[in-house]
């Protein structure tokens, strides 16, 4: 089980950004956190699965595996935001509508 801290600043900043960006779209308050949670979960699950795939190999002893699965290592896994931002933008565009059509007043 992986627990995601939804109070983590990187997470809350991303949620706030997309809620602001899609302000006025129906369902934004529920959809944005849901989509971001899904993509954060995806990144974390892939990281854990990748580490578990090398478990038992000569270069990955139990200490190395524990380090790779530590809170710090998993937090570092979600720090890169470019790909996450792109994926969330794509999904939200499908669910809530394109921001390109939005008219600034």
N, C-alpha and C. Protein backbone atom coordinates (compact mmCIF):
# COMPACT_ATOMS: atom_id res chain seq x y z
N UNK A 1 0.85 -1.18 0.00
CA UNK A 1 0.00 0.00 0.00
C UNK A 1 0.89 1.24 0.00
N UNK A 2 0.55 2.18 -0.85
CA UNK A 2 1.27 3.45 -0.90
C UNK A 2 0.30 4.53 -0.43
N UNK A 3 0.73 5.29 0.56
CA UNK A 3 -0.08 6.40 1.05
C UNK A 3 0.45 7.69 0.45
N UNK A 4 -0.43 8.46 -0.17
CA UNK A 4 -0.04 9.73 -0.78
C UNK A 4 -0.47 10.86 0.15
N UNK A 5 0.47 11.72 0.48
CA UNK A 5 0.19 12.87 1.33
C UNK A 5 -0.40 13.98 0.45
N UNK A 6 -1.70 14.14 0.52
CA UNK A 6 -2.35 15.15 -0.31
C UNK A 6 -2.16 16.56 0.24
N UNK A 7 -1.45 16.70 1.35
CA UNK A 7 -1.10 18.02 1.88
C UNK A 7 0.29 18.46 1.41
N UNK A 8 0.98 17.59 0.69
CA UNK A 8 2.32 17.88 0.19
C UNK A 8 2.25 19.08 -0.76
N UNK A 9 3.12 20.06 -0.54
CA UNK A 9 3.05 21.32 -1.28
C UNK A 9 3.11 21.15 -2.80
N UNK A 10 3.94 20.25 -3.29
CA UNK A 10 4.03 20.03 -4.73
C UNK A 10 2.69 19.55 -5.28
N UNK A 11 2.04 18.70 -4.53
CA UNK A 11 0.73 18.17 -4.91
C UNK A 11 -0.34 19.26 -4.85
N UNK A 12 -0.40 19.98 -3.74
CA UNK A 12 -1.44 21.00 -3.58
C UNK A 12 -1.24 22.16 -4.56
N UNK A 13 0.01 22.49 -4.86
CA UNK A 13 0.28 23.55 -5.84
C UNK A 13 -0.25 23.17 -7.22
N UNK A 14 -0.06 21.91 -7.59
CA UNK A 14 -0.54 21.45 -8.89
C UNK A 14 -2.07 21.44 -8.94
N UNK A 15 -2.68 20.98 -7.87
CA UNK A 15 -4.15 21.00 -7.80
C UNK A 15 -4.64 22.45 -7.91
N UNK A 16 -4.06 23.35 -7.14
CA UNK A 16 -4.49 24.75 -7.16
C UNK A 16 -4.31 25.37 -8.55
N UNK A 17 -3.21 25.05 -9.21
CA UNK A 17 -2.96 25.59 -10.55
C UNK A 17 -4.07 25.18 -11.52
N UNK A 18 -4.39 23.89 -11.53
CA UNK A 18 -5.39 23.41 -12.49
C UNK A 18 -6.81 23.84 -12.10
N UNK A 19 -7.10 23.95 -10.81
CA UNK A 19 -8.42 24.45 -10.39
C UNK A 19 -8.58 25.89 -10.86
N UNK A 20 -7.52 26.70 -10.71
CA UNK A 20 -7.57 28.10 -11.20
C UNK A 20 -7.71 28.13 -12.72
N UNK A 21 -6.95 27.28 -13.39
CA UNK A 21 -6.97 27.27 -14.86
C UNK A 21 -8.35 26.91 -15.41
N UNK A 22 -9.02 25.99 -14.75
CA UNK A 22 -10.32 25.52 -15.21
C UNK A 22 -11.48 26.14 -14.44
N UNK A 23 -11.22 27.23 -13.75
CA UNK A 23 -12.26 27.90 -12.98
C UNK A 23 -13.49 28.16 -13.87
N UNK A 24 -14.64 27.82 -13.32
CA UNK A 24 -15.89 28.03 -14.05
C UNK A 24 -16.36 26.83 -14.83
N UNK A 25 -15.49 25.84 -15.03
CA UNK A 25 -15.90 24.62 -15.71
C UNK A 25 -16.66 23.74 -14.71
N UNK A 26 -17.78 23.18 -15.11
CA UNK A 26 -18.54 22.31 -14.20
C UNK A 26 -17.71 21.10 -13.76
N UNK A 27 -17.73 20.82 -12.47
CA UNK A 27 -17.04 19.65 -11.92
C UNK A 27 -15.56 19.82 -11.65
N UNK A 28 -15.05 21.02 -11.82
CA UNK A 28 -13.60 21.25 -11.67
C UNK A 28 -13.08 20.88 -10.28
N UNK A 29 -13.82 21.21 -9.25
CA UNK A 29 -13.37 20.98 -7.87
C UNK A 29 -13.20 19.49 -7.55
N UNK A 30 -13.96 18.64 -8.19
CA UNK A 30 -13.86 17.20 -7.97
C UNK A 30 -12.92 16.56 -8.98
N UNK A 31 -13.01 16.98 -10.23
CA UNK A 31 -12.26 16.33 -11.31
C UNK A 31 -10.76 16.56 -11.21
N UNK A 32 -10.34 17.79 -10.93
CA UNK A 32 -8.90 18.09 -10.90
C UNK A 32 -8.17 17.25 -9.86
N UNK A 33 -8.57 17.25 -8.59
CA UNK A 33 -7.85 16.41 -7.62
C UNK A 33 -7.89 14.93 -7.97
N UNK A 34 -9.00 14.49 -8.52
CA UNK A 34 -9.15 13.08 -8.90
C UNK A 34 -8.12 12.69 -9.98
N UNK A 35 -7.98 13.52 -11.00
CA UNK A 35 -7.04 13.25 -12.09
C UNK A 35 -5.60 13.34 -11.60
N UNK A 36 -5.30 14.33 -10.80
CA UNK A 36 -3.93 14.48 -10.29
C UNK A 36 -3.58 13.31 -9.36
N UNK A 37 -4.49 12.90 -8.52
CA UNK A 37 -4.27 11.75 -7.64
C UNK A 37 -3.98 10.51 -8.48
N UNK A 38 -4.73 10.32 -9.54
CA UNK A 38 -4.54 9.16 -10.42
C UNK A 38 -3.13 9.15 -11.04
N UNK A 39 -2.67 10.31 -11.51
CA UNK A 39 -1.35 10.37 -12.15
C UNK A 39 -0.22 10.29 -11.14
N UNK A 40 -0.38 10.86 -9.96
CA UNK A 40 0.62 10.69 -8.90
C UNK A 40 0.72 9.23 -8.51
N UNK A 41 -0.43 8.59 -8.38
CA UNK A 41 -0.46 7.16 -8.04
C UNK A 41 0.26 6.34 -9.10
N UNK A 42 0.01 6.67 -10.35
CA UNK A 42 0.64 5.96 -11.45
C UNK A 42 2.17 6.04 -11.35
N UNK A 43 2.69 7.24 -11.11
CA UNK A 43 4.14 7.42 -10.99
C UNK A 43 4.71 6.61 -9.83
N UNK A 44 4.03 6.65 -8.71
CA UNK A 44 4.51 5.93 -7.53
C UNK A 44 4.45 4.42 -7.71
N UNK A 45 3.37 3.93 -8.28
CA UNK A 45 3.25 2.49 -8.51
C UNK A 45 4.33 2.01 -9.47
N UNK A 46 4.58 2.78 -10.53
CA UNK A 46 5.63 2.40 -11.47
C UNK A 46 7.00 2.38 -10.80
N UNK A 47 7.27 3.35 -9.94
CA UNK A 47 8.55 3.39 -9.23
C UNK A 47 8.71 2.16 -8.34
N UNK A 48 7.68 1.84 -7.59
CA UNK A 48 7.74 0.68 -6.69
C UNK A 48 7.89 -0.61 -7.50
N UNK A 49 7.14 -0.74 -8.56
CA UNK A 49 7.24 -1.94 -9.39
C UNK A 49 8.63 -2.07 -10.01
N UNK A 50 9.21 -0.95 -10.41
CA UNK A 50 10.56 -0.97 -10.96
C UNK A 50 11.58 -1.45 -9.95
N UNK A 51 11.46 -0.96 -8.72
CA UNK A 51 12.37 -1.39 -7.65
C UNK A 51 12.17 -2.87 -7.34
N UNK A 52 10.93 -3.29 -7.23
CA UNK A 52 10.65 -4.69 -6.92
C UNK A 52 11.15 -5.63 -8.03
N UNK A 53 11.22 -5.12 -9.25
CA UNK A 53 11.69 -5.94 -10.37
C UNK A 53 13.18 -6.29 -10.25
N UNK A 54 13.94 -5.46 -9.54
CA UNK A 54 15.38 -5.74 -9.38
C UNK A 54 15.69 -6.38 -8.03
N UNK A 55 14.67 -6.57 -7.22
CA UNK A 55 14.86 -7.19 -5.91
C UNK A 55 15.47 -8.58 -6.07
N UNK A 56 16.49 -8.86 -5.29
CA UNK A 56 17.14 -10.17 -5.35
C UNK A 56 18.28 -10.26 -6.35
N UNK A 57 18.48 -9.20 -7.13
CA UNK A 57 19.60 -9.23 -8.06
C UNK A 57 20.90 -8.91 -7.32
N UNK A 58 22.02 -9.22 -7.92
CA UNK A 58 23.32 -9.09 -7.26
C UNK A 58 23.61 -7.66 -6.81
N UNK A 59 23.19 -6.69 -7.57
CA UNK A 59 23.51 -5.29 -7.26
C UNK A 59 22.47 -4.59 -6.39
N UNK A 60 21.38 -5.26 -6.12
CA UNK A 60 20.31 -4.66 -5.31
C UNK A 60 20.07 -5.52 -4.08
N UNK A 61 20.85 -5.27 -3.05
CA UNK A 61 20.68 -6.00 -1.79
C UNK A 61 19.49 -5.42 -1.02
N UNK A 62 19.06 -6.08 0.05
CA UNK A 62 17.90 -5.60 0.80
C UNK A 62 18.04 -4.15 1.30
N UNK A 63 19.24 -3.74 1.66
CA UNK A 63 19.44 -2.36 2.12
C UNK A 63 19.17 -1.37 0.99
N UNK A 64 19.65 -1.70 -0.21
CA UNK A 64 19.43 -0.84 -1.37
C UNK A 64 17.93 -0.77 -1.72
N UNK A 65 17.27 -1.90 -1.62
CA UNK A 65 15.83 -1.93 -1.90
C UNK A 65 15.08 -1.05 -0.90
N UNK A 66 15.44 -1.17 0.38
CA UNK A 66 14.80 -0.33 1.41
C UNK A 66 15.03 1.15 1.14
N UNK A 67 16.23 1.51 0.74
CA UNK A 67 16.53 2.92 0.41
C UNK A 67 15.68 3.40 -0.76
N UNK A 68 15.57 2.56 -1.77
CA UNK A 68 14.81 2.94 -2.97
C UNK A 68 13.31 3.05 -2.70
N UNK A 69 12.83 2.38 -1.66
CA UNK A 69 11.42 2.43 -1.31
C UNK A 69 11.14 3.34 -0.12
N UNK A 70 12.14 4.09 0.31
CA UNK A 70 11.96 4.99 1.45
C UNK A 70 11.04 6.16 1.09
N UNK A 71 10.53 6.83 2.11
CA UNK A 71 9.68 8.00 1.88
C UNK A 71 10.39 9.05 1.05
N UNK A 72 11.68 9.25 1.34
CA UNK A 72 12.45 10.27 0.61
C UNK A 72 12.59 9.90 -0.86
N UNK A 73 12.89 8.63 -1.12
CA UNK A 73 13.07 8.20 -2.51
C UNK A 73 11.75 8.28 -3.28
N UNK A 74 10.65 7.87 -2.65
CA UNK A 74 9.36 7.93 -3.33
C UNK A 74 8.90 9.37 -3.51
N UNK A 75 9.24 10.23 -2.56
CA UNK A 75 8.93 11.65 -2.72
C UNK A 75 9.70 12.22 -3.91
N UNK A 76 10.96 11.85 -4.03
CA UNK A 76 11.78 12.31 -5.15
C UNK A 76 11.21 11.82 -6.48
N UNK A 77 10.56 10.68 -6.46
CA UNK A 77 9.96 10.12 -7.67
C UNK A 77 8.89 11.03 -8.25
N UNK A 78 8.16 11.72 -7.40
CA UNK A 78 7.07 12.56 -7.90
C UNK A 78 7.47 14.03 -8.06
N UNK A 79 8.71 14.35 -7.78
CA UNK A 79 9.15 15.74 -7.94
C UNK A 79 9.19 16.22 -9.39
N UNK A 80 9.65 15.39 -10.34
CA UNK A 80 9.63 15.88 -11.72
C UNK A 80 8.18 16.10 -12.15
N UNK A 81 7.89 17.30 -12.64
CA UNK A 81 6.49 17.62 -12.91
C UNK A 81 6.15 17.82 -14.38
N UNK A 82 7.13 17.89 -15.25
CA UNK A 82 6.83 18.18 -16.65
C UNK A 82 5.89 17.14 -17.25
N UNK A 83 6.27 15.86 -17.18
CA UNK A 83 5.44 14.81 -17.75
C UNK A 83 4.08 14.74 -17.06
N UNK A 84 4.09 14.85 -15.73
CA UNK A 84 2.84 14.83 -14.97
C UNK A 84 1.92 15.96 -15.43
N UNK A 85 2.49 17.15 -15.58
CA UNK A 85 1.73 18.32 -16.02
C UNK A 85 1.11 18.06 -17.39
N UNK A 86 1.89 17.50 -18.30
CA UNK A 86 1.39 17.21 -19.65
C UNK A 86 0.25 16.20 -19.63
N UNK A 87 0.42 15.14 -18.85
CA UNK A 87 -0.61 14.10 -18.78
C UNK A 87 -1.89 14.63 -18.13
N UNK A 88 -1.74 15.37 -17.06
CA UNK A 88 -2.91 15.93 -16.38
C UNK A 88 -3.62 16.92 -17.31
N UNK A 89 -2.86 17.75 -18.00
CA UNK A 89 -3.45 18.71 -18.95
C UNK A 89 -4.28 17.99 -20.02
N UNK A 90 -3.71 16.91 -20.55
CA UNK A 90 -4.39 16.15 -21.60
C UNK A 90 -5.71 15.57 -21.07
N UNK A 91 -5.66 14.94 -19.91
CA UNK A 91 -6.86 14.30 -19.36
C UNK A 91 -7.90 15.36 -18.99
N UNK A 92 -7.48 16.44 -18.37
CA UNK A 92 -8.44 17.49 -18.00
C UNK A 92 -9.05 18.15 -19.23
N UNK A 93 -8.26 18.29 -20.28
CA UNK A 93 -8.79 18.84 -21.53
C UNK A 93 -9.91 17.97 -22.08
N UNK A 94 -9.75 16.67 -21.94
CA UNK A 94 -10.78 15.73 -22.39
C UNK A 94 -12.01 15.78 -21.48
N UNK A 95 -11.78 15.84 -20.18
CA UNK A 95 -12.89 15.78 -19.22
C UNK A 95 -13.60 17.12 -19.04
N UNK A 96 -12.82 18.22 -19.04
CA UNK A 96 -13.41 19.52 -18.72
C UNK A 96 -13.48 20.48 -19.91
N UNK A 97 -12.77 20.17 -20.97
CA UNK A 97 -12.76 21.04 -22.13
C UNK A 97 -11.40 21.71 -22.29
N UNK A 98 -11.15 22.13 -23.49
CA UNK A 98 -9.86 22.74 -23.83
C UNK A 98 -9.72 24.14 -23.23
N UNK A 99 -8.52 24.44 -22.76
CA UNK A 99 -8.24 25.80 -22.28
C UNK A 99 -7.96 26.73 -23.45
N UNK A 100 -7.65 26.20 -24.61
CA UNK A 100 -7.36 27.01 -25.78
C UNK A 100 -8.57 27.84 -26.20
N UNK A 101 -9.75 27.30 -25.93
CA UNK A 101 -10.99 27.98 -26.31
C UNK A 101 -11.41 29.02 -25.27
N UNK A 102 -10.71 29.05 -24.16
CA UNK A 102 -11.07 29.98 -23.09
C UNK A 102 -10.71 31.41 -23.49
N UNK A 103 -11.62 32.31 -23.27
CA UNK A 103 -11.42 33.72 -23.63
C UNK A 103 -11.10 34.48 -22.35
N UNK A 104 -9.96 35.16 -22.34
CA UNK A 104 -9.60 35.99 -21.19
C UNK A 104 -10.31 37.33 -21.29
N UNK A 105 -10.86 37.79 -20.18
CA UNK A 105 -11.56 39.08 -20.14
C UNK A 105 -10.78 40.04 -19.30
